[in-house]
Amino acid sequence: MQHSYATAKLMAGMTPAFCARQFGHSVEMFLNTCSKWIDGGRMAWEMARLEASLTSPQRPP
């Protein structure tokens, strides 16, 4: 049940650091354990997000 909840959080776009803290894990342990459960079908969507972030104009700080 915990892995399902953690995976749902990651797929919803929540930050791994926030999620890891909620479970009392390090980010590394959290991602090593939970990220493998994320649906591989999202690969194209994730790559599109990366591409968009690299090609869109950056906002000034």
N, C-alpha and C. Protein backbone atom coordinates (compact mmCIF):
# COMPACT_ATOMS: atom_id res chain seq x y z
N MET A 1 0.82 -1.18 0.00
CA MET A 1 0.00 0.00 0.00
C MET A 1 0.87 1.25 0.00
N GLN A 2 1.95 1.22 0.75
CA GLN A 2 2.83 2.39 0.83
C GLN A 2 3.46 2.68 -0.53
N HIS A 3 3.88 1.65 -1.26
CA HIS A 3 4.49 1.88 -2.57
C HIS A 3 3.47 2.46 -3.55
N SER A 4 2.24 2.00 -3.47
CA SER A 4 1.19 2.55 -4.35
C SER A 4 0.97 4.03 -4.06
N TYR A 5 0.92 4.38 -2.79
CA TYR A 5 0.72 5.77 -2.40
C TYR A 5 1.91 6.63 -2.85
N ALA A 6 3.11 6.13 -2.65
CA ALA A 6 4.31 6.86 -3.04
C ALA A 6 4.35 7.05 -4.56
N THR A 7 4.01 6.02 -5.29
CA THR A 7 3.99 6.11 -6.75
C THR A 7 2.95 7.11 -7.22
N ALA A 8 1.78 7.10 -6.60
CA ALA A 8 0.73 8.05 -6.96
C ALA A 8 1.21 9.48 -6.75
N LYS A 9 1.95 9.71 -5.67
CA LYS A 9 2.48 11.05 -5.40
C LYS A 9 3.46 11.46 -6.51
N LEU A 10 4.37 10.58 -6.86
CA LEU A 10 5.33 10.91 -7.91
C LEU A 10 4.65 11.16 -9.25
N MET A 11 3.67 10.33 -9.58
CA MET A 11 2.97 10.49 -10.86
C MET A 11 2.12 11.76 -10.88
N ALA A 12 1.75 12.26 -9.70
CA ALA A 12 0.99 13.52 -9.62
C ALA A 12 1.91 14.72 -9.74
N GLY A 13 3.21 14.47 -9.76
CA GLY A 13 4.16 15.56 -9.93
C GLY A 13 4.70 16.14 -8.64
N MET A 14 4.44 15.49 -7.52
CA MET A 14 4.97 15.98 -6.24
C MET A 14 6.48 15.79 -6.23
N THR A 15 7.17 16.67 -5.53
CA THR A 15 8.63 16.59 -5.52
C THR A 15 9.09 15.40 -4.68
N PRO A 16 10.11 14.69 -5.18
CA PRO A 16 10.62 13.53 -4.45
C PRO A 16 11.11 13.88 -3.05
N ALA A 17 11.70 15.06 -2.87
CA ALA A 17 12.20 15.44 -1.55
C ALA A 17 11.05 15.53 -0.55
N PHE A 18 9.95 16.14 -0.95
CA PHE A 18 8.78 16.26 -0.08
C PHE A 18 8.24 14.87 0.27
N CYS A 19 8.09 14.05 -0.74
CA CYS A 19 7.55 12.70 -0.53
C CYS A 19 8.45 11.88 0.38
N ALA A 20 9.75 11.94 0.13
CA ALA A 20 10.70 11.17 0.94
C ALA A 20 10.61 11.57 2.41
N ARG A 21 10.51 12.87 2.67
CA ARG A 21 10.40 13.32 4.06
C ARG A 21 9.14 12.77 4.72
N GLN A 22 8.04 12.71 3.97
CA GLN A 22 6.80 12.20 4.54
C GLN A 22 6.92 10.73 4.95
N PHE A 23 7.74 9.98 4.23
CA PHE A 23 7.92 8.57 4.54
C PHE A 23 9.10 8.32 5.48
N GLY A 24 9.85 9.39 5.78
CA GLY A 24 11.01 9.24 6.67
C GLY A 24 12.20 8.60 5.99
N HIS A 25 12.31 8.77 4.67
CA HIS A 25 13.40 8.19 3.90
C HIS A 25 14.29 9.28 3.32
N SER A 26 15.50 8.89 2.92
CA SER A 26 16.32 9.80 2.14
C SER A 26 15.73 9.84 0.73
N VAL A 27 16.04 10.90 -0.01
CA VAL A 27 15.55 11.01 -1.38
C VAL A 27 16.07 9.84 -2.21
N GLU A 28 17.34 9.50 -2.02
CA GLU A 28 17.94 8.40 -2.78
C GLU A 28 17.21 7.08 -2.53
N MET A 29 16.96 6.77 -1.27
CA MET A 29 16.27 5.52 -0.95
C MET A 29 14.85 5.53 -1.49
N PHE A 30 14.19 6.67 -1.33
CA PHE A 30 12.81 6.81 -1.83
C PHE A 30 12.75 6.56 -3.33
N LEU A 31 13.63 7.22 -4.09
CA LEU A 31 13.60 7.05 -5.54
C LEU A 31 14.02 5.65 -5.97
N ASN A 32 15.02 5.09 -5.30
CA ASN A 32 15.45 3.73 -5.64
C ASN A 32 14.33 2.72 -5.43
N THR A 33 13.55 2.93 -4.38
CA THR A 33 12.48 1.99 -4.04
C THR A 33 11.21 2.24 -4.85
N CYS A 34 10.82 3.49 -4.98
CA CYS A 34 9.49 3.80 -5.51
C CYS A 34 9.44 4.16 -6.99
N SER A 35 10.50 4.71 -7.52
CA SER A 35 10.42 5.17 -8.91
C SER A 35 10.28 4.02 -9.91
N LYS A 36 10.72 2.83 -9.54
CA LYS A 36 10.60 1.70 -10.46
C LYS A 36 9.14 1.29 -10.69
N TRP A 37 8.25 1.76 -9.83
CA TRP A 37 6.84 1.41 -9.96
C TRP A 37 6.09 2.37 -10.88
N ILE A 38 6.74 3.45 -11.29
CA ILE A 38 6.07 4.42 -12.15
C ILE A 38 5.87 3.81 -13.54
N ASP A 39 4.73 4.06 -14.11
CA ASP A 39 4.38 3.52 -15.42
C ASP A 39 5.36 4.00 -16.48
N GLY A 40 5.99 3.07 -17.18
CA GLY A 40 6.92 3.41 -18.24
C GLY A 40 6.26 4.10 -19.42
N GLY A 41 4.95 4.03 -19.54
CA GLY A 41 4.22 4.68 -20.62
C GLY A 41 4.27 6.19 -20.55
N ARG A 42 4.73 6.72 -19.43
CA ARG A 42 4.83 8.17 -19.28
C ARG A 42 6.14 8.71 -19.83
N MET A 43 6.99 7.86 -20.37
CA MET A 43 8.31 8.30 -20.83
C MET A 43 8.20 9.43 -21.84
N ALA A 44 7.33 9.31 -22.83
CA ALA A 44 7.20 10.35 -23.86
C ALA A 44 6.73 11.66 -23.24
N TRP A 45 5.81 11.57 -22.30
CA TRP A 45 5.31 12.78 -21.65
C TRP A 45 6.40 13.46 -20.85
N GLU A 46 7.18 12.69 -20.11
CA GLU A 46 8.27 13.25 -19.31
C GLU A 46 9.34 13.87 -20.20
N MET A 47 9.67 13.21 -21.30
CA MET A 47 10.66 13.76 -22.21
C MET A 47 10.16 15.06 -22.85
N ALA A 48 8.88 15.14 -23.13
CA ALA A 48 8.30 16.37 -23.68
C ALA A 48 8.40 17.50 -22.65
N ARG A 49 8.19 17.19 -21.38
CA ARG A 49 8.35 18.20 -20.33
C ARG A 49 9.77 18.71 -20.27
N LEU A 50 10.73 17.81 -20.36
CA LEU A 50 12.13 18.20 -20.34
C LEU A 50 12.45 19.08 -21.54
N GLU A 51 12.04 18.66 -22.70
CA GLU A 51 12.29 19.42 -23.92
C GLU A 51 11.68 20.82 -23.83
N ALA A 52 10.47 20.91 -23.32
CA ALA A 52 9.81 22.21 -23.19
C ALA A 52 10.57 23.11 -22.22
N SER A 53 11.09 22.54 -21.16
CA SER A 53 11.82 23.37 -20.19
C SER A 53 13.15 23.86 -20.76
N LEU A 54 13.73 23.09 -21.66
CA LEU A 54 15.00 23.50 -22.26
C LEU A 54 14.83 24.50 -23.39
N THR A 55 13.68 24.49 -24.03
CA THR A 55 13.48 25.37 -25.17
C THR A 55 12.69 26.62 -24.85
N SER A 56 12.00 26.65 -23.70
CA SER A 56 11.22 27.84 -23.36
C SER A 56 12.13 28.91 -22.76
N PRO A 57 11.78 30.17 -23.00
CA PRO A 57 12.59 31.25 -22.43
C PRO A 57 12.56 31.18 -20.91
N GLN A 58 13.71 31.40 -20.32
CA GLN A 58 13.82 31.35 -18.87
C GLN A 58 13.35 32.66 -18.27
N ARG A 59 12.62 32.57 -17.15
CA ARG A 59 12.18 33.76 -16.43
C ARG A 59 13.33 34.28 -15.59
N PRO A 60 13.43 35.59 -15.48
CA PRO A 60 14.48 36.13 -14.60
C PRO A 60 14.19 35.81 -13.14
N PRO A 61 15.22 35.63 -12.33
CA PRO A 61 15.00 35.28 -10.90
C PRO A 61 14.35 36.39 -10.12
